[in-house]
Amino acid sequence: MPALPVTPPTLDEALDGAQHSNPMLAQAEKGIDIARAGLRGAKAESLPTIGAFAEATRSRDQFFPDYRADAMAVGVRGRWTLFAGGRTAAKIHEADATLDASEARAREAREQIDAAVISAWTNLKTANLMVEASAARSAATAQALRSVQLEAKVGAKPTLAVLDAEREAAAADAAAIEAEGQRMVAAWQLNALAGQITPDKRLTMHKDWPQMAKELSGAIKEVRLGAPDVMNNFSAMASAATANGALDSKTKELIALGIAVAIRCDGCVAFHAQAAVKHGATREEVMDAMGLAIYMGAGPSLMYAAQAVEAYDQFAAA
């Protein structure tokens, strides 16, 4: 799982960061600046306008060479509209109302961001506690499983008890993974609200999916040589399952990619992302399929959905 992003260490720093860096607040503040400029423009229409001028003329007469009539004038002109039928006053009132509305929207945005940051901060703290509790539960169930296995070896516990302990341990491990996923989501949500995610930042590549598919193909070839009957039947089943039918092959590959995410199979993600690209799936279609996989599998599926999109992007760019 990717490393947890660095988050503001205190709630006060998160709130301060949001007030200074959150894009929604920045937009609201710009709205206030625009409204103030509009108000200044409306008031300026009621003020006098003053301009300086300088003029020079030079006259000659072709019949009287000695005739000269040169002139120069420098002065100031002013204009002041004393009555405009209420038009200027109406513009000022309108601009003033627009400014009030912009300031009200900015106040509302600040309150909403503060509430969202506090909620995200609380969610992250809760997620941290859930991770700790899930880890403790996972360790306890693992210890219990070992104890049951030892007791079963000496005949003190039946095989069914071992199976129950294994089920509890697996459930605890799944809960721990889900808790870590929820913590990851909470951390990114807090950073987004605090304005710590900028458009020029890009997620680094975590896995080389084309290389993974290439290496797995070589490994699968060895299995095919060792178990040809099984692999031939498996290939026939794969061909039949992904062939065009009531659903076309592209849709089937998107379904397979969603299942690969749900069962958290890296190799399956690599092969079905590659097949989705081959059959012409768009990034938007992959995203739609990932949304359904996340809905069905919650936090763990979210982590693998991010990897599936990364795999799709790599194969699409190849």
C-alpha atoms as a PDB file:
ATOM      1  CA  MET A   1       0.000   0.000   0.000  1.00  0.00           C
ATOM      2  CA  PRO A   2       1.357   3.517  -0.772  1.00  0.00           C
ATOM      3  CA  ALA A   3       2.919   5.444   2.079  1.00  0.00           C
ATOM      4  CA  LEU A   4       0.584   7.642   4.100  1.00  0.00           C
ATOM      5  CA  PRO A   5       0.858  11.284   2.929  1.00  0.00           C
ATOM      6  CA  VAL A   6       2.200  13.892   5.312  1.00  0.00           C
ATOM      7  CA  THR A   7      -0.708  15.728   6.936  1.00  0.00           C
ATOM      8  CA  PRO A   8      -0.875  18.880   9.092  1.00  0.00           C
ATOM      9  CA  PRO A   9       0.338  17.926  12.588  1.00  0.00           C
ATOM     10  CA  THR A  10      -2.352  19.902  14.429  1.00  0.00           C
ATOM     11  CA  LEU A  11      -5.943  20.901  13.802  1.00  0.00           C
ATOM     12  CA  ASP A  12      -5.026  24.586  14.064  1.00  0.00           C
ATOM     13  CA  GLU A  13      -2.425  24.206  11.319  1.00  0.00           C
ATOM     14  CA  ALA A  14      -4.923  22.351   9.148  1.00  0.00           C
ATOM     15  CA  LEU A  15      -7.488  25.132   9.615  1.00  0.00           C
ATOM     16  CA  ASP A  16      -4.897  27.823   8.947  1.00  0.00           C
ATOM     17  CA  GLY A  17      -3.711  26.033   5.820  1.00  0.00           C
ATOM     18  CA  ALA A  18      -7.266  25.735   4.556  1.00  0.00           C
ATOM     19  CA  GLN A  19      -7.945  29.433   5.135  1.00  0.00           C
ATOM     20  CA  HIS A  20      -4.842  30.399   3.141  1.00  0.00           C
ATOM     21  CA  SER A  21      -4.603  27.699   0.483  1.00  0.00           C
ATOM     22  CA  ASN A  22      -8.006  26.139  -0.144  1.00  0.00           C
ATOM     23  CA  PRO A  23      -9.015  26.793  -3.795  1.00  0.00           C
ATOM     24  CA  MET A  24     -12.669  27.386  -2.944  1.00  0.00           C
ATOM     25  CA  LEU A  25     -11.754  30.119  -0.455  1.00  0.00           C
ATOM     26  CA  ALA A  26      -9.303  31.649  -2.919  1.00  0.00           C
ATOM     27  CA  GLN A  27     -12.096  31.827  -5.484  1.00  0.00           C
ATOM     28  CA  ALA A  28     -14.410  33.467  -2.942  1.00  0.00           C
ATOM     29  CA  GLU A  29     -11.750  36.052  -2.059  1.00  0.00           C
ATOM     30  CA  LYS A  30     -11.246  36.868  -5.729  1.00  0.00           C
ATOM     31  CA  GLY A  31     -14.985  37.362  -6.003  1.00  0.00           C
ATOM     32  CA  ILE A  32     -14.769  39.999  -3.268  1.00  0.00           C
ATOM     33  CA  ASP A  33     -11.918  41.761  -5.085  1.00  0.00           C
ATOM     34  CA  ILE A  34     -13.955  41.842  -8.301  1.00  0.00           C
ATOM     35  CA  ALA A  35     -17.010  43.195  -6.478  1.00  0.00           C
ATOM     36  CA  ARG A  36     -14.939  45.937  -4.833  1.00  0.00           C
ATOM     37  CA  ALA A  37     -13.506  46.942  -8.203  1.00  0.00           C
ATOM     38  CA  GLY A  38     -17.048  47.094  -9.596  1.00  0.00           C
ATOM     39  CA  LEU A  39     -18.130  49.327  -6.715  1.00  0.00           C
ATOM     40  CA  ARG A  40     -15.192  51.672  -7.265  1.00  0.00           C
ATOM     41  CA  GLY A  41     -16.073  51.855 -10.952  1.00  0.00           C
ATOM     42  CA  ALA A  42     -19.709  52.659 -10.194  1.00  0.00           C
ATOM     43  CA  LYS A  43     -18.743  55.441  -7.763  1.00  0.00           C
ATOM     44  CA  ALA A  44     -16.260  56.847 -10.249  1.00  0.00           C
ATOM     45  CA  GLU A  45     -19.088  57.605 -12.666  1.00  0.00           C
ATOM     46  CA  SER A  46     -20.435  60.262 -10.254  1.00  0.00           C
ATOM     47  CA  LEU A  47     -17.073  62.022  -9.917  1.00  0.00           C
ATOM     48  CA  PRO A  48     -15.838  64.841 -12.140  1.00  0.00           C
ATOM     49  CA  THR A  49     -13.378  64.018 -14.884  1.00  0.00           C
ATOM     50  CA  ILE A  50     -10.432  66.332 -15.413  1.00  0.00           C
ATOM     51  CA  GLY A  51      -7.988  66.252 -18.313  1.00  0.00           C
ATOM     52  CA  ALA A  52      -5.067  68.415 -19.386  1.00  0.00           C
ATOM     53  CA  PHE A  53      -4.529  69.435 -22.996  1.00  0.00           C
ATOM     54  CA  ALA A  54      -1.951  71.211 -25.104  1.00  0.00           C
ATOM     55  CA  GLU A  55      -2.613  72.514 -28.641  1.00  0.00           C
ATOM     56  CA  ALA A  56      -0.400  74.279 -31.192  1.00  0.00           C
ATOM     57  CA  THR A  57      -1.189  75.646 -34.661  1.00  0.00           C
ATOM     58  CA  ARG A  58       1.107  76.982 -37.328  1.00  0.00           C
ATOM     59  CA  SER A  59      -0.343  78.969 -40.314  1.00  0.00           C
ATOM     60  CA  ARG A  60       1.328  80.314 -43.464  1.00  0.00           C
ATOM     61  CA  ASP A  61      -0.075  82.107 -46.543  1.00  0.00           C
ATOM     62  CA  GLN A  62       1.334  81.195 -49.939  1.00  0.00           C
ATOM     63  CA  PHE A  63       0.601  84.652 -51.317  1.00  0.00           C
ATOM     64  CA  PHE A  64       2.114  86.553 -48.402  1.00  0.00           C
ATOM     65  CA  PRO A  65       5.372  84.825 -47.414  1.00  0.00           C
ATOM     66  CA  ASP A  66       5.826  87.049 -44.399  1.00  0.00           C
ATOM     67  CA  TYR A  67       2.431  86.185 -42.950  1.00  0.00           C
ATOM     68  CA  ARG A  68       2.533  84.026 -39.848  1.00  0.00           C
ATOM     69  CA  ALA A  69      -0.284  83.054 -37.516  1.00  0.00           C
ATOM     70  CA  ASP A  70       1.126  80.660 -34.922  1.00  0.00           C
ATOM     71  CA  ALA A  71      -0.803  79.815 -31.777  1.00  0.00           C
ATOM     72  CA  MET A  72      -0.380  77.568 -28.756  1.00  0.00           C
ATOM     73  CA  ALA A  73      -2.805  76.758 -25.979  1.00  0.00           C
ATOM     74  CA  VAL A  74      -2.389  74.784 -22.769  1.00  0.00           C
ATOM     75  CA  GLY A  75      -5.227  74.166 -20.362  1.00  0.00           C
ATOM     76  CA  VAL A  76      -7.399  71.877 -18.279  1.00  0.00           C
ATOM     77  CA  ARG A  77     -10.825  70.539 -19.187  1.00  0.00           C
ATOM     78  CA  GLY A  78     -13.323  69.193 -16.693  1.00  0.00           C
ATOM     79  CA  ARG A  79     -16.673  67.408 -16.871  1.00  0.00           C
ATOM     80  CA  TRP A  80     -19.079  66.695 -14.058  1.00  0.00           C
ATOM     81  CA  THR A  81     -22.478  65.113 -14.536  1.00  0.00           C
ATOM     82  CA  LEU A  82     -24.795  66.804 -12.067  1.00  0.00           C
ATOM     83  CA  PHE A  83     -27.916  64.791 -12.890  1.00  0.00           C
ATOM     84  CA  ALA A  84     -28.218  61.354 -14.530  1.00  0.00           C
ATOM     85  CA  GLY A  85     -31.775  60.442 -13.633  1.00  0.00           C
ATOM     86  CA  GLY A  86     -30.695  58.077 -10.851  1.00  0.00           C
ATOM     87  CA  ARG A  87     -28.685  55.834 -13.188  1.00  0.00           C
ATOM     88  CA  THR A  88     -25.383  56.371 -11.370  1.00  0.00           C
ATOM     89  CA  ALA A  89     -26.951  55.919  -7.928  1.00  0.00           C
ATOM     90  CA  ALA A  90     -28.599  52.687  -9.077  1.00  0.00           C
ATOM     91  CA  LYS A  91     -25.279  51.350 -10.335  1.00  0.00           C
ATOM     92  CA  ILE A  92     -23.652  52.169  -7.013  1.00  0.00           C
ATOM     93  CA  HIS A  93     -26.406  50.385  -5.072  1.00  0.00           C
ATOM     94  CA  GLU A  94     -26.138  47.367  -7.369  1.00  0.00           C
ATOM     95  CA  ALA A  95     -22.371  47.190  -6.993  1.00  0.00           C
ATOM     96  CA  ASP A  96     -22.684  47.606  -3.233  1.00  0.00           C
ATOM     97  CA  ALA A  97     -25.186  44.734  -3.077  1.00  0.00           C
ATOM     98  CA  THR A  98     -22.887  42.561  -5.209  1.00  0.00           C
ATOM     99  CA  LEU A  99     -20.041  43.251  -2.777  1.00  0.00           C
ATOM    100  CA  ASP A 100     -22.225  42.326   0.205  1.00  0.00           C
ATOM    101  CA  ALA A 101     -23.240  39.089  -1.525  1.00  0.00           C
ATOM    102  CA  SER A 102     -19.621  38.237  -2.339  1.00  0.00           C
ATOM    103  CA  GLU A 103     -18.549  38.823   1.247  1.00  0.00           C
ATOM    104  CA  ALA A 104     -21.443  36.695   2.489  1.00  0.00           C
ATOM    105  CA  ARG A 105     -20.432  33.870   0.130  1.00  0.00           C
ATOM    106  CA  ALA A 106     -16.844  34.120   1.360  1.00  0.00           C
ATOM    107  CA  ARG A 107     -17.973  33.920   5.014  1.00  0.00           C
ATOM    108  CA  GLU A 108     -20.126  30.917   4.187  1.00  0.00           C
ATOM    109  CA  ALA A 109     -17.234  29.273   2.354  1.00  0.00           C
ATOM    110  CA  ARG A 110     -14.929  29.820   5.351  1.00  0.00           C
ATOM    111  CA  GLU A 111     -17.461  28.265   7.710  1.00  0.00           C
ATOM    112  CA  GLN A 112     -18.011  25.307   5.393  1.00  0.00           C
ATOM    113  CA  ILE A 113     -14.284  24.731   4.973  1.00  0.00           C
ATOM    114  CA  ASP A 114     -13.704  24.948   8.733  1.00  0.00           C
ATOM    115  CA  ALA A 115     -16.451  22.405   9.352  1.00  0.00           C
ATOM    116  CA  ALA A 116     -15.115  20.114   6.622  1.00  0.00           C
ATOM    117  CA  VAL A 117     -11.533  20.349   7.949  1.00  0.00           C
ATOM    118  CA  ILE A 118     -12.671  19.554  11.488  1.00  0.00           C
ATOM    119  CA  SER A 119     -14.670  16.598  10.177  1.00  0.00           C
ATOM    120  CA  ALA A 120     -11.727  15.346   8.084  1.00  0.00           C
ATOM    121  CA  TRP A 121      -9.353  15.781  11.027  1.00  0.00           C
ATOM    122  CA  THR A 122     -11.707  13.789  13.252  1.00  0.00           C
ATOM    123  CA  ASN A 123     -12.091  11.115  10.593  1.00  0.00           C
ATOM    124  CA  LEU A 124      -8.306  10.787  10.304  1.00  0.00           C
ATOM    125  CA  LYS A 125      -7.868  10.489  14.062  1.00  0.00           C
ATOM    126  CA  THR A 126     -10.654   7.900  14.181  1.00  0.00           C
ATOM    127  CA  ALA A 127      -9.053   6.028  11.292  1.00  0.00           C
ATOM    128  CA  ASN A 128      -5.716   5.990  13.150  1.00  0.00           C
ATOM    129  CA  LEU A 129      -7.423   4.443  16.159  1.00  0.00           C
ATOM    130  CA  MET A 130      -9.190   1.943  13.912  1.00  0.00           C
ATOM    131  CA  VAL A 131      -5.842   0.930  12.379  1.00  0.00           C
ATOM    132  CA  GLU A 132      -4.363   0.383  15.833  1.00  0.00           C
ATOM    133  CA  ALA A 133      -7.397  -1.600  16.990  1.00  0.00           C
ATOM    134  CA  SER A 134      -7.448  -3.662  13.787  1.00  0.00           C
ATOM    135  CA  ALA A 135      -3.737  -4.431  14.108  1.00  0.00           C
ATOM    136  CA  ALA A 136      -4.250  -5.543  17.701  1.00  0.00           C
ATOM    137  CA  ARG A 137      -7.189  -7.702  16.649  1.00  0.00           C
ATOM    138  CA  SER A 138      -5.179  -9.215  13.802  1.00  0.00           C
ATOM    139  CA  ALA A 139      -2.312 -10.069  16.154  1.00  0.00           C
ATOM    140  CA  ALA A 140      -4.709 -11.570  18.698  1.00  0.00           C
ATOM    141  CA  THR A 141      -6.490 -13.746  16.139  1.00  0.00           C
ATOM    142  CA  ALA A 142      -3.150 -14.887  14.713  1.00  0.00           C
ATOM    143  CA  GLN A 143      -2.044 -15.911  18.208  1.00  0.00           C
ATOM    144  CA  ALA A 144      -5.361 -17.649  18.790  1.00  0.00           C
ATOM    145  CA  LEU A 145      -4.989 -19.521  15.500  1.00  0.00           C
ATOM    146  CA  ARG A 146      -1.562 -20.767  16.488  1.00  0.00           C
ATOM    147  CA  SER A 147      -2.914 -21.937  19.822  1.00  0.00           C
ATOM    148  CA  VAL A 148      -5.826 -23.781  18.204  1.00  0.00           C
ATOM    149  CA  GLN A 149      -3.502 -25.397  15.654  1.00  0.00           C
ATOM    150  CA  LEU A 150      -1.251 -26.667  18.453  1.00  0.00           C
ATOM    151  CA  GLU A 151      -4.235 -27.985  20.373  1.00  0.00           C
ATOM    152  CA  ALA A 152      -5.552 -29.669  17.234  1.00  0.00           C
ATOM    153  CA  LYS A 153      -2.223 -31.431  16.744  1.00  0.00           C
ATOM    154  CA  VAL A 154      -2.552 -33.127  20.125  1.00  0.00           C
ATOM    155  CA  GLY A 155      -6.215 -33.887  19.558  1.00  0.00           C
ATOM    156  CA  ALA A 156      -7.560 -31.327  22.030  1.00  0.00           C
ATOM    157  CA  LYS A 157      -9.397 -29.368  19.306  1.00  0.00           C
ATOM    158  CA  PRO A 158     -11.310 -30.614  16.252  1.00  0.00           C
ATOM    159  CA  THR A 159     -10.445 -29.553  12.698  1.00  0.00           C
ATOM    160  CA  LEU A 160     -13.587 -27.416  12.625  1.00  0.00           C
ATOM    161  CA  ALA A 161     -12.153 -25.264  15.415  1.00  0.00           C
ATOM    162  CA  VAL A 162      -9.017 -24.704  13.332  1.00  0.00           C
ATOM    163  CA  LEU A 163     -11.139 -23.642  10.372  1.00  0.00           C
ATOM    164  CA  ASP A 164     -13.097 -21.224  12.563  1.00  0.00           C
ATOM    165  CA  ALA A 165      -9.851 -19.734  13.896  1.00  0.00           C
ATOM    166  CA  GLU A 166      -8.510 -19.370  10.352  1.00  0.00           C
ATOM    167  CA  ARG A 167     -11.711 -17.619   9.318  1.00  0.00           C
ATOM    168  CA  GLU A 168     -11.431 -15.211  12.276  1.00  0.00           C
ATOM    169  CA  ALA A 169      -7.783 -14.501  11.449  1.00  0.00           C
ATOM    170  CA  ALA A 170      -8.580 -13.848   7.793  1.00  0.00           C
ATOM    171  CA  ALA A 171     -11.459 -11.539   8.738  1.00  0.00           C
ATOM    172  CA  ALA A 172      -9.179  -9.646  11.132  1.00  0.00           C
ATOM    173  CA  ASP A 173      -6.512  -9.235   8.438  1.00  0.00           C
ATOM    174  CA  ALA A 174      -9.136  -7.968   5.968  1.00  0.00           C
ATOM    175  CA  ALA A 175     -10.444  -5.508   8.558  1.00  0.00           C
ATOM    176  CA  ALA A 176      -6.896  -4.267   9.156  1.00  0.00           C
ATOM    177  CA  ILE A 177      -6.368  -3.670   5.431  1.00  0.00           C
ATOM    178  CA  GLU A 178      -9.703  -1.883   5.157  1.00  0.00           C
ATOM    179  CA  ALA A 179      -8.830   0.323   8.145  1.00  0.00           C
ATOM    180  CA  GLU A 180      -5.541   1.283   6.502  1.00  0.00           C
ATOM    181  CA  GLY A 181      -7.399   2.125   3.297  1.00  0.00           C
ATOM    182  CA  GLN A 182      -9.885   4.301   5.158  1.00  0.00           C
ATOM    183  CA  ARG A 183      -7.017   6.080   6.882  1.00  0.00           C
ATOM    184  CA  MET A 184      -5.369   6.721   3.510  1.00  0.00           C
ATOM    185  CA  VAL A 185      -8.598   8.225   2.150  1.00  0.00           C
ATOM    186  CA  ALA A 186      -9.051  10.373   5.280  1.00  0.00           C
ATOM    187  CA  ALA A 187      -5.466  11.677   5.034  1.00  0.00           C
ATOM    188  CA  TRP A 188      -5.857  12.704   1.381  1.00  0.00           C
ATOM    189  CA  GLN A 189      -9.223  14.316   2.122  1.00  0.00           C
ATOM    190  CA  LEU A 190      -7.643  16.407   4.881  1.00  0.00           C
ATOM    191  CA  ASN A 191      -4.765  17.443   2.617  1.00  0.00           C
ATOM    192  CA  ALA A 192      -7.184  18.382  -0.161  1.00  0.00           C
ATOM    193  CA  LEU A 193      -9.165  20.623   2.185  1.00  0.00           C
ATOM    194  CA  ALA A 194      -5.985  22.139   3.629  1.00  0.00           C
ATOM    195  CA  GLY A 195      -4.814  23.050   0.123  1.00  0.00           C
ATOM    196  CA  GLN A 196      -1.798  20.735   0.224  1.00  0.00           C
ATOM    197  CA  ILE A 197      -2.619  19.041  -3.095  1.00  0.00           C
ATOM    198  CA  THR A 198      -1.668  21.189  -6.084  1.00  0.00           C
ATOM    199  CA  PRO A 199      -2.492  20.477  -9.739  1.00  0.00           C
ATOM    200  CA  ASP A 200       1.186  20.130 -10.720  1.00  0.00           C
ATOM    201  CA  LYS A 201       1.756  17.249  -8.336  1.00  0.00           C
ATOM    202  CA  ARG A 202       1.586  13.786  -9.877  1.00  0.00           C
ATOM    203  CA  LEU A 203       1.297  10.403  -8.245  1.00  0.00           C
ATOM    204  CA  THR A 204       4.509   8.469  -8.700  1.00  0.00           C
ATOM    205  CA  MET A 205       4.362   5.112 -10.431  1.00  0.00           C
ATOM    206  CA  HIS A 206       4.229   2.337  -7.844  1.00  0.00           C
ATOM    207  CA  LYS A 207       4.446  -0.687 -10.148  1.00  0.00           C
ATOM    208  CA  ASP A 208       5.571  -1.409 -13.680  1.00  0.00           C
ATOM    209  CA  TRP A 209       2.478  -3.232 -14.888  1.00  0.00           C
ATOM    210  CA  PRO A 210       3.630  -4.023 -18.442  1.00  0.00           C
ATOM    211  CA  GLN A 211       6.793  -5.554 -16.997  1.00  0.00           C
ATOM    212  CA  MET A 212       4.707  -7.498 -14.488  1.00  0.00           C
ATOM    213  CA  ALA A 213       2.517  -8.894 -17.283  1.00  0.00           C
ATOM    214  CA  LYS A 214       5.632  -9.864 -19.255  1.00  0.00           C
ATOM    215  CA  GLU A 215       7.244 -11.641 -16.314  1.00  0.00           C
ATOM    216  CA  LEU A 216       4.026 -13.433 -15.359  1.00  0.00           C
ATOM    217  CA  SER A 217       3.569 -14.605 -18.937  1.00  0.00           C
ATOM    218  CA  GLY A 218       6.956 -16.315 -18.718  1.00  0.00           C
ATOM    219  CA  ALA A 219       6.072 -17.908 -15.395  1.00  0.00           C
ATOM    220  CA  ILE A 220       2.680 -19.057 -16.674  1.00  0.00           C
ATOM    221  CA  LYS A 221       4.432 -20.642 -19.679  1.00  0.00           C
ATOM    222  CA  GLU A 222       6.351 -22.852 -17.268  1.00  0.00           C
ATOM    223  CA  VAL A 223       3.093 -23.907 -15.612  1.00  0.00           C
ATOM    224  CA  ARG A 224       1.612 -24.607 -19.049  1.00  0.00           C
ATOM    225  CA  LEU A 225       4.525 -26.919 -19.861  1.00  0.00           C
ATOM    226  CA  GLY A 226       4.178 -28.701 -16.528  1.00  0.00           C
ATOM    227  CA  ALA A 227       0.386 -29.058 -16.563  1.00  0.00           C
ATOM    228  CA  PRO A 228      -0.642 -28.884 -20.225  1.00  0.00           C
ATOM    229  CA  ASP A 229      -4.075 -30.501 -19.877  1.00  0.00           C
ATOM    230  CA  VAL A 230      -5.167 -28.168 -17.092  1.00  0.00           C
ATOM    231  CA  MET A 231      -3.794 -25.078 -18.812  1.00  0.00           C
ATOM    232  CA  ASN A 232      -5.307 -25.968 -22.183  1.00  0.00           C
ATOM    233  CA  ASN A 233      -8.713 -26.315 -20.571  1.00  0.00           C
ATOM    234  CA  PHE A 234      -8.155 -23.071 -18.655  1.00  0.00           C
ATOM    235  CA  SER A 235      -7.281 -21.266 -21.901  1.00  0.00           C
ATOM    236  CA  ALA A 236     -10.387 -22.644 -23.582  1.00  0.00           C
ATOM    237  CA  MET A 237     -12.509 -21.477 -20.666  1.00  0.00           C
ATOM    238  CA  ALA A 238     -10.914 -17.996 -20.773  1.00  0.00           C
ATOM    239  CA  SER A 239     -11.550 -17.732 -24.523  1.00  0.00           C
ATOM    240  CA  ALA A 240     -15.181 -18.775 -24.127  1.00  0.00           C
ATOM    241  CA  ALA A 241     -15.779 -16.455 -21.164  1.00  0.00           C
ATOM    242  CA  THR A 242     -14.341 -13.354 -22.841  1.00  0.00           C
ATOM    243  CA  ALA A 243     -15.739 -13.919 -26.345  1.00  0.00           C
ATOM    244  CA  ASN A 244     -18.386 -11.559 -27.739  1.00  0.00           C
ATOM    245  CA  GLY A 245     -21.872 -12.565 -26.671  1.00  0.00           C
ATOM    246  CA  ALA A 246     -24.748 -10.705 -25.065  1.00  0.00           C
ATOM    247  CA  LEU A 247     -21.917  -8.628 -23.601  1.00  0.00           C
ATOM    248  CA  ASP A 248     -19.057  -7.596 -25.860  1.00  0.00           C
ATOM    249  CA  SER A 249     -15.456  -8.471 -25.035  1.00  0.00           C
ATOM    250  CA  LYS A 250     -14.625  -4.938 -23.885  1.00  0.00           C
ATOM    251  CA  THR A 251     -17.428  -4.961 -21.311  1.00  0.00           C
ATOM    252  CA  LYS A 252     -16.352  -8.408 -20.112  1.00  0.00           C
ATOM    253  CA  GLU A 253     -12.766  -7.220 -19.643  1.00  0.00           C
ATOM    254  CA  LEU A 254     -14.001  -4.248 -17.606  1.00  0.00           C
ATOM    255  CA  ILE A 255     -16.000  -6.663 -15.435  1.00  0.00           C
ATOM    256  CA  ALA A 256     -12.917  -8.874 -15.067  1.00  0.00           C
ATOM    257  CA  LEU A 257     -10.821  -5.846 -14.103  1.00  0.00           C
ATOM    258  CA  GLY A 258     -13.376  -4.908 -11.442  1.00  0.00           C
ATOM    259  CA  ILE A 259     -13.305  -8.466 -10.060  1.00  0.00           C
ATOM    260  CA  ALA A 260      -9.489  -8.406 -10.068  1.00  0.00           C
ATOM    261  CA  VAL A 261      -9.655  -5.256  -7.936  1.00  0.00           C
ATOM    262  CA  ALA A 262     -12.227  -6.810  -5.575  1.00  0.00           C
ATOM    263  CA  ILE A 263     -10.151  -9.965  -4.993  1.00  0.00           C
ATOM    264  CA  ARG A 264      -6.900  -7.947  -4.898  1.00  0.00           C
ATOM    265  CA  CYS A 265      -5.016  -9.953  -7.522  1.00  0.00           C
ATOM    266  CA  ASP A 266      -2.061  -7.972  -8.917  1.00  0.00           C
ATOM    267  CA  GLY A 267      -1.471 -10.289 -11.854  1.00  0.00           C
ATOM    268  CA  CYS A 268      -5.163 -10.270 -12.751  1.00  0.00           C
ATOM    269  CA  VAL A 269      -5.136  -6.464 -12.695  1.00  0.00           C
ATOM    270  CA  ALA A 270      -2.149  -6.425 -15.072  1.00  0.00           C
ATOM    271  CA  PHE A 271      -3.616  -8.856 -17.613  1.00  0.00           C
ATOM    272  CA  HIS A 272      -7.149  -7.465 -17.625  1.00  0.00           C
ATOM    273  CA  ALA A 273      -5.994  -3.831 -17.761  1.00  0.00           C
ATOM    274  CA  GLN A 274      -3.903  -4.826 -20.791  1.00  0.00           C
ATOM    275  CA  ALA A 275      -6.893  -6.620 -22.344  1.00  0.00           C
ATOM    276  CA  ALA A 276      -9.187  -3.639 -21.649  1.00  0.00           C
ATOM    277  CA  VAL A 277      -6.810  -1.379 -23.582  1.00  0.00           C
ATOM    278  CA  LYS A 278      -6.598  -3.951 -26.394  1.00  0.00           C
ATOM    279  CA  HIS A 279     -10.394  -4.031 -26.732  1.00  0.00           C
ATOM    280  CA  GLY A 280     -10.633  -0.228 -26.852  1.00  0.00           C
ATOM    281  CA  ALA A 281     -11.821   0.615 -23.332  1.00  0.00           C
ATOM    282  CA  THR A 282     -11.522   4.318 -22.519  1.00  0.00           C
ATOM    283  CA  ARG A 283     -10.166   5.710 -19.283  1.00  0.00           C
ATOM    284  CA  GLU A 284     -13.655   6.965 -18.415  1.00  0.00           C
ATOM    285  CA  GLU A 285     -15.059   3.440 -18.812  1.00  0.00           C
ATOM    286  CA  VAL A 286     -12.309   2.045 -16.589  1.00  0.00           C
ATOM    287  CA  MET A 287     -13.094   4.707 -13.983  1.00  0.00           C
ATOM    288  CA  ASP A 288     -16.779   3.774 -14.104  1.00  0.00           C
ATOM    289  CA  ALA A 289     -15.933   0.112 -13.553  1.00  0.00           C
ATOM    290  CA  MET A 290     -13.608   1.050 -10.688  1.00  0.00           C
ATOM    291  CA  GLY A 291     -16.408   3.035  -9.055  1.00  0.00           C
ATOM    292  CA  LEU A 292     -18.553  -0.101  -8.934  1.00  0.00           C
ATOM    293  CA  ALA A 293     -15.625  -2.181  -7.631  1.00  0.00           C
ATOM    294  CA  ILE A 294     -15.032   0.343  -4.843  1.00  0.00           C
ATOM    295  CA  TYR A 295     -18.739   0.330  -4.003  1.00  0.00           C
ATOM    296  CA  MET A 296     -18.673  -3.464  -3.649  1.00  0.00           C
ATOM    297  CA  GLY A 297     -15.298  -3.750  -1.895  1.00  0.00           C
ATOM    298  CA  ALA A 298     -14.897  -0.492   0.114  1.00  0.00           C
ATOM    299  CA  GLY A 299     -11.418   0.584   1.293  1.00  0.00           C
ATOM    300  CA  PRO A 300      -9.286  -2.324   0.049  1.00  0.00           C
ATOM    301  CA  SER A 301     -10.885  -2.102  -3.388  1.00  0.00           C
ATOM    302  CA  LEU A 302     -10.138   1.630  -3.478  1.00  0.00           C
ATOM    303  CA  MET A 303      -6.433   0.918  -3.038  1.00  0.00           C
ATOM    304  CA  TYR A 304      -6.450  -1.632  -5.851  1.00  0.00           C
ATOM    305  CA  ALA A 305      -8.676   0.534  -8.042  1.00  0.00           C
ATOM    306  CA  ALA A 306      -5.968   3.220  -7.940  1.00  0.00           C
ATOM    307  CA  GLN A 307      -3.441   0.605  -9.068  1.00  0.00           C
ATOM    308  CA  ALA A 308      -5.762  -0.656 -11.811  1.00  0.00           C
ATOM    309  CA  VAL A 309      -6.060   2.883 -13.225  1.00  0.00           C
ATOM    310  CA  GLU A 310      -2.274   3.196 -13.054  1.00  0.00           C
ATOM    311  CA  ALA A 311      -1.979  -0.114 -14.943  1.00  0.00           C
ATOM    312  CA  TYR A 312      -4.463   1.070 -17.582  1.00  0.00           C
ATOM    313  CA  ASP A 313      -2.551   4.334 -18.052  1.00  0.00           C
ATOM    314  CA  GLN A 314       0.735   2.487 -18.528  1.00  0.00           C
ATOM    315  CA  PHE A 315      -0.657   0.044 -21.081  1.00  0.00           C
ATOM    316  CA  ALA A 316      -2.511   2.859 -22.907  1.00  0.00           C
ATOM    317  CA  ALA A 317       0.715   4.860 -23.131  1.00  0.00           C
ATOM    318  CA  ALA A 318       2.757   1.886 -24.376  1.00  0.00           C
END
